[in-house]
C-alpha atoms as a PDB file:
ATOM      1  CA  MET A   1      -4.899   2.183 -20.017  1.00  0.00           C
ATOM      2  CA  ASN A   2      -1.710   4.045 -19.145  1.00  0.00           C
ATOM      3  CA  THR A   3      -3.401   6.071 -16.523  1.00  0.00           C
ATOM      4  CA  TRP A   4      -4.572   2.670 -15.092  1.00  0.00           C
ATOM      5  CA  ARG A   5      -1.034   1.655 -14.619  1.00  0.00           C
ATOM      6  CA  TRP A   6      -0.080   4.399 -12.672  1.00  0.00           C
ATOM      7  CA  PHE A   7      -3.850   4.886 -10.793  1.00  0.00           C
ATOM      8  CA  GLN A   8      -4.224   1.000  -9.897  1.00  0.00           C
ATOM      9  CA  PRO A   9      -0.741   0.454  -7.199  1.00  0.00           C
ATOM     10  CA  ILE A  10      -0.841   3.939  -6.481  1.00  0.00           C
ATOM     11  CA  SER A  11      -4.492   4.137  -5.321  1.00  0.00           C
ATOM     12  CA  PHE A  12      -3.984   0.990  -3.442  1.00  0.00           C
ATOM     13  CA  GLN A  13      -1.326   2.580  -1.516  1.00  0.00           C
ATOM     14  CA  VAL A  14      -3.877   5.444  -0.699  1.00  0.00           C
ATOM     15  CA  ILE A  15      -6.396   2.907   0.337  1.00  0.00           C
ATOM     16  CA  TRP A  16      -4.034   1.446   3.060  1.00  0.00           C
ATOM     17  CA  LEU A  17      -2.829   4.581   4.546  1.00  0.00           C
ATOM     18  CA  ALA A  18      -6.371   5.670   4.515  1.00  0.00           C
ATOM     19  CA  CYS A  19      -7.657   2.506   6.434  1.00  0.00           C
ATOM     20  CA  VAL A  20      -5.053   2.442   8.611  1.00  0.00           C
ATOM     21  CA  LEU A  21      -4.254   5.790   9.814  1.00  0.00           C
ATOM     22  CA  GLY A  22      -8.126   7.282   9.676  1.00  0.00           C
ATOM     23  CA  GLY A  23      -9.923   3.659  10.382  1.00  0.00           C
ATOM     24  CA  ASN A  24     -13.374   3.636  10.422  1.00  0.00           C
ATOM     25  CA  GLU A  25     -13.823   7.474  10.115  1.00  0.00           C
ATOM     26  CA  TRP A  26     -12.027   7.658   6.591  1.00  0.00           C
ATOM     27  CA  LEU A  27     -13.938   4.850   4.793  1.00  0.00           C
ATOM     28  CA  PHE A  28     -15.317   7.388   2.154  1.00  0.00           C
ATOM     29  CA  ILE A  29     -11.833   7.486   0.769  1.00  0.00           C
ATOM     30  CA  PRO A  30     -11.363   3.744   0.207  1.00  0.00           C
ATOM     31  CA  GLY A  31     -14.868   4.038  -0.844  1.00  0.00           C
ATOM     32  CA  LEU A  32     -14.551   6.487  -3.806  1.00  0.00           C
ATOM     33  CA  ILE A  33     -11.593   5.257  -5.157  1.00  0.00           C
ATOM     34  CA  LEU A  34     -13.178   1.740  -4.992  1.00  0.00           C
ATOM     35  CA  VAL A  35     -15.877   3.147  -6.798  1.00  0.00           C
ATOM     36  CA  ALA A  36     -13.367   5.223  -9.663  1.00  0.00           C
ATOM     37  CA  HIS A  37     -11.696   1.530  -9.843  1.00  0.00           C
ATOM     38  CA  PHE A  38     -14.693  -0.062 -10.593  1.00  0.00           C
ATOM     39  CA  ILE A  39     -15.174   2.884 -13.665  1.00  0.00           C
ATOM     40  CA  LEU A  40     -11.750   2.409 -14.680  1.00  0.00           C
ATOM     41  CA  THR A  41     -10.743  -1.073 -14.922  1.00  0.00           C
ATOM     42  CA  PRO A  42     -10.147  -2.610 -18.022  1.00  0.00           C
ATOM     43  CA  SER A  43     -11.497  -5.626 -16.524  1.00  0.00           C
ATOM     44  CA  PHE A  44     -14.471  -4.833 -14.597  1.00  0.00           C
ATOM     45  CA  LYS A  45     -16.050  -8.211 -14.652  1.00  0.00           C
ATOM     46  CA  ASN A  46     -13.259 -10.289 -13.829  1.00  0.00           C
ATOM     47  CA  ASP A  47     -12.624  -7.691 -10.776  1.00  0.00           C
ATOM     48  CA  LEU A  48     -16.002  -8.191  -9.809  1.00  0.00           C
ATOM     49  CA  GLN A  49     -15.859 -11.852  -9.895  1.00  0.00           C
ATOM     50  CA  ILE A  50     -12.660 -12.359  -7.764  1.00  0.00           C
ATOM     51  CA  LEU A  51     -13.973 -10.480  -5.035  1.00  0.00           C
ATOM     52  CA  PRO A  52     -15.724 -14.056  -3.127  1.00  0.00           C
ATOM     53  CA  LEU A  53     -11.457 -14.266  -2.388  1.00  0.00           C
ATOM     54  CA  ILE A  54     -12.306 -11.286   0.598  1.00  0.00           C
ATOM     55  CA  PHE A  55     -13.935 -13.498   2.750  1.00  0.00           C
ATOM     56  CA  LEU A  56     -10.959 -16.083   3.456  1.00  0.00           C
ATOM     57  CA  GLY A  57      -9.090 -12.719   4.491  1.00  0.00           C
ATOM     58  CA  CYS A  58     -11.449 -11.259   6.910  1.00  0.00           C
ATOM     59  CA  ALA A  59     -11.986 -14.693   8.327  1.00  0.00           C
ATOM     60  CA  LEU A  60      -8.745 -14.905   9.165  1.00  0.00           C
ATOM     61  CA  ASP A  61      -8.566 -11.610  10.480  1.00  0.00           C
ATOM     62  CA  VAL A  62     -11.860 -12.271  12.502  1.00  0.00           C
ATOM     63  CA  PHE A  63     -10.192 -15.431  13.949  1.00  0.00           C
ATOM     64  CA  PHE A  64      -7.290 -13.665  14.960  1.00  0.00           C
ATOM     65  CA  THR A  65      -9.420 -11.436  16.687  1.00  0.00           C
ATOM     66  CA  GLN A  66     -11.428 -13.887  18.437  1.00  0.00           C
ATOM     67  CA  ILE A  67      -8.275 -15.608  19.553  1.00  0.00           C
ATOM     68  CA  GLY A  68      -7.071 -12.123  21.141  1.00  0.00           C
ATOM     69  CA  LEU A  69      -3.953 -11.721  18.626  1.00  0.00           C
ATOM     70  CA  PHE A  70      -5.570  -8.745  17.346  1.00  0.00           C
ATOM     71  CA  VAL A  71      -7.578  -5.860  19.387  1.00  0.00           C
ATOM     72  CA  PHE A  72      -9.202  -2.994  18.061  1.00  0.00           C
ATOM     73  CA  ASP A  73     -11.087  -0.055  19.790  1.00  0.00           C
ATOM     74  CA  VAL A  74     -14.099  -0.407  17.637  1.00  0.00           C
ATOM     75  CA  PHE A  75     -14.881  -3.122  14.841  1.00  0.00           C
ATOM     76  CA  PRO A  76     -12.419  -2.470  11.955  1.00  0.00           C
ATOM     77  CA  PHE A  77     -15.126  -2.106   9.073  1.00  0.00           C
ATOM     78  CA  TRP A  78     -11.673  -0.411   7.493  1.00  0.00           C
ATOM     79  CA  LEU A  79     -10.198  -3.931   7.382  1.00  0.00           C
ATOM     80  CA  MET A  80     -12.587  -5.609   5.307  1.00  0.00           C
ATOM     81  CA  MET A  81     -12.646  -2.590   2.630  1.00  0.00           C
ATOM     82  CA  LEU A  82      -8.746  -2.860   2.712  1.00  0.00           C
ATOM     83  CA  TRP A  83      -9.481  -6.838   2.018  1.00  0.00           C
ATOM     84  CA  VAL A  84     -11.472  -5.892  -0.768  1.00  0.00           C
ATOM     85  CA  ALA A  85      -8.400  -3.266  -2.225  1.00  0.00           C
ATOM     86  CA  PHE A  86      -6.291  -5.909  -1.668  1.00  0.00           C
ATOM     87  CA  VAL A  87      -7.958  -8.581  -3.880  1.00  0.00           C
ATOM     88  CA  LEU A  88      -8.255  -6.617  -6.567  1.00  0.00           C
ATOM     89  CA  ASN A  89      -4.743  -6.395  -6.974  1.00  0.00           C
ATOM     90  CA  PHE A  90      -4.251  -9.702  -7.973  1.00  0.00           C
ATOM     91  CA  GLY A  91      -5.817  -8.685 -11.442  1.00  0.00           C
ATOM     92  CA  HIS A  92      -3.416  -5.845 -11.831  1.00  0.00           C
ATOM     93  CA  SER A  93      -0.252  -5.241  -9.955  1.00  0.00           C
ATOM     94  CA  LEU A  94       0.307  -7.932  -8.212  1.00  0.00           C
ATOM     95  CA  GLY A  95      -0.619 -10.480 -11.369  1.00  0.00           C
ATOM     96  CA  PHE A  96       2.840 -11.014 -11.361  1.00  0.00           C
ATOM     97  CA  LEU A  97       2.581 -13.203  -8.544  1.00  0.00           C
ATOM     98  CA  ARG A  98       0.675 -15.741 -10.691  1.00  0.00           C
ATOM     99  CA  ARG A  99       4.213 -16.777 -12.525  1.00  0.00           C
ATOM    100  CA  LEU A 100       5.993 -17.578  -9.059  1.00  0.00           C
ATOM    101  CA  LYS A 101       6.688 -20.707  -7.937  1.00  0.00           C
ATOM    102  CA  LEU A 102       5.224 -21.849  -4.246  1.00  0.00           C
ATOM    103  CA  PRO A 103       8.359 -20.991  -2.099  1.00  0.00           C
ATOM    104  CA  TRP A 104       8.583 -17.683  -3.821  1.00  0.00           C
ATOM    105  CA  LEU A 105       4.873 -16.991  -2.674  1.00  0.00           C
ATOM    106  CA  MET A 106       5.346 -18.342   0.521  1.00  0.00           C
ATOM    107  CA  ILE A 107       8.622 -15.867   1.382  1.00  0.00           C
ATOM    108  CA  ILE A 108       6.623 -12.763  -0.183  1.00  0.00           C
ATOM    109  CA  GLY A 109       3.558 -13.615   1.865  1.00  0.00           C
ATOM    110  CA  ALA A 110       5.579 -14.023   5.237  1.00  0.00           C
ATOM    111  CA  ILE A 111       7.663 -10.905   4.628  1.00  0.00           C
ATOM    112  CA  GLY A 112       4.972  -8.886   3.089  1.00  0.00           C
ATOM    113  CA  GLY A 113       2.266  -9.927   5.132  1.00  0.00           C
ATOM    114  CA  SER A 114       3.646  -9.952   8.361  1.00  0.00           C
ATOM    115  CA  TYR A 115       5.301  -6.179   7.653  1.00  0.00           C
ATOM    116  CA  ALA A 116       2.382  -5.001   6.593  1.00  0.00           C
ATOM    117  CA  TYR A 117       0.315  -5.910   9.668  1.00  0.00           C
ATOM    118  CA  TRP A 118       3.450  -4.819  12.074  1.00  0.00           C
ATOM    119  CA  ILE A 119       3.411  -1.278  10.400  1.00  0.00           C
ATOM    120  CA  SER A 120      -0.688  -1.516  11.179  1.00  0.00           C
ATOM    121  CA  TRP A 121       0.577  -1.954  14.933  1.00  0.00           C
ATOM    122  CA  GLN A 122       3.141   0.429  14.615  1.00  0.00           C
ATOM    123  CA  LEU A 123       0.919   3.122  13.403  1.00  0.00           C
ATOM    124  CA  GLY A 124      -2.024   2.411  16.112  1.00  0.00           C
ATOM    125  CA  ALA A 125      -4.255   0.589  14.149  1.00  0.00           C
ATOM    126  CA  VAL A 126      -4.219  -2.687  15.891  1.00  0.00           C
ATOM    127  CA  THR A 127      -3.007  -3.521  19.546  1.00  0.00           C
ATOM    128  CA  TRP A 128      -1.358  -6.779  19.817  1.00  0.00           C
ATOM    129  CA  PRO A 129      -1.865  -8.474  23.593  1.00  0.00           C
ATOM    130  CA  TYR A 130       0.766 -11.014  22.870  1.00  0.00           C
ATOM    131  CA  GLY A 131       3.356  -8.348  21.927  1.00  0.00           C
ATOM    132  CA  PRO A 132       5.074  -7.886  18.507  1.00  0.00           C
ATOM    133  CA  ILE A 133       7.663 -11.089  18.632  1.00  0.00           C
ATOM    134  CA  LEU A 134       4.681 -13.714  18.679  1.00  0.00           C
ATOM    135  CA  SER A 135       2.377 -11.555  16.833  1.00  0.00           C
ATOM    136  CA  THR A 136       4.699 -11.205  13.920  1.00  0.00           C
ATOM    137  CA  SER A 137       5.577 -14.864  13.843  1.00  0.00           C
ATOM    138  CA  VAL A 138       2.119 -16.220  13.689  1.00  0.00           C
ATOM    139  CA  ILE A 139       1.493 -13.742  11.039  1.00  0.00           C
ATOM    140  CA  ALA A 140       4.144 -14.595   9.125  1.00  0.00           C
ATOM    141  CA  ILE A 141       3.477 -18.356   9.371  1.00  0.00           C
ATOM    142  CA  THR A 142      -0.086 -17.516   8.544  1.00  0.00           C
ATOM    143  CA  TRP A 143       0.950 -15.279   5.311  1.00  0.00           C
ATOM    144  CA  SER A 144       3.191 -18.076   3.816  1.00  0.00           C
ATOM    145  CA  ILE A 145       0.289 -20.113   3.777  1.00  0.00           C
ATOM    146  CA  LEU A 146      -2.770 -17.654   2.840  1.00  0.00           C
ATOM    147  CA  LEU A 147      -0.637 -15.792  -0.213  1.00  0.00           C
ATOM    148  CA  PRO A 148      -0.332 -19.037  -2.224  1.00  0.00           C
ATOM    149  CA  ILE A 149      -3.958 -19.866  -1.461  1.00  0.00           C
ATOM    150  CA  LEU A 150      -4.770 -16.439  -2.617  1.00  0.00           C
ATOM    151  CA  VAL A 151      -2.798 -16.802  -5.773  1.00  0.00           C
ATOM    152  CA  ARG A 152      -4.030 -20.117  -6.579  1.00  0.00           C
ATOM    153  CA  GLY A 153      -7.765 -18.877  -5.631  1.00  0.00           C
ATOM    154  CA  ASP A 154      -7.431 -16.056  -8.214  1.00  0.00           C
ATOM    155  CA  LEU A 155      -6.373 -18.521 -10.862  1.00  0.00           C
ATOM    156  CA  TYR A 156      -8.555 -21.049  -9.935  1.00  0.00           C
ATOM    157  CA  PHE A 157     -11.273 -18.409 -10.817  1.00  0.00           C
ATOM    158  CA  ARG A 158      -9.807 -17.465 -13.988  1.00  0.00           C
ATOM    159  CA  ARG A 159      -9.146 -20.921 -15.502  1.00  0.00           C
ATOM    160  CA  LEU A 160     -13.248 -21.565 -14.648  1.00  0.00           C
ATOM    161  CA  GLY A 161     -13.845 -18.697 -16.635  1.00  0.00           C
ATOM    162  CA  TYR A 162     -15.481 -17.024 -13.494  1.00  0.00           C
ATOM    163  CA  ALA A 163     -12.941 -14.402 -13.826  1.00  0.00           C
END
């Protein structure tokens, strides 16, 4: 269990870096780490059952791509892998979010979400045709809504016994 407490949050950071820096070419890294996650996790069933939450994040990124807020050189399969890794954090290193009130979730979502996308833009993983100010603003507003929905979705699945 002690190894897990270190493995899980560090593995997410490695997955994030591999996805953002390596894109589709480095998908084997997050793939191997996610396999290890499901082998090592103390909550295999719970982790598996909350995965439907990834569709919300993927749908949002597809929407942003369709309206031209995001532009990618090739289809970003790595972004879907990143959503899998992110959603898995709710049962582990991001579990503390479940105890926070809505205003805090909105603030954390706005800052954390926009910062992660901004770093991705800075590293060249995505192009922002509308520029950094508008893009970051739209992402911050969206994530101030999205993070509370994801956290509530995680709680919802757990209360129903699905996770």
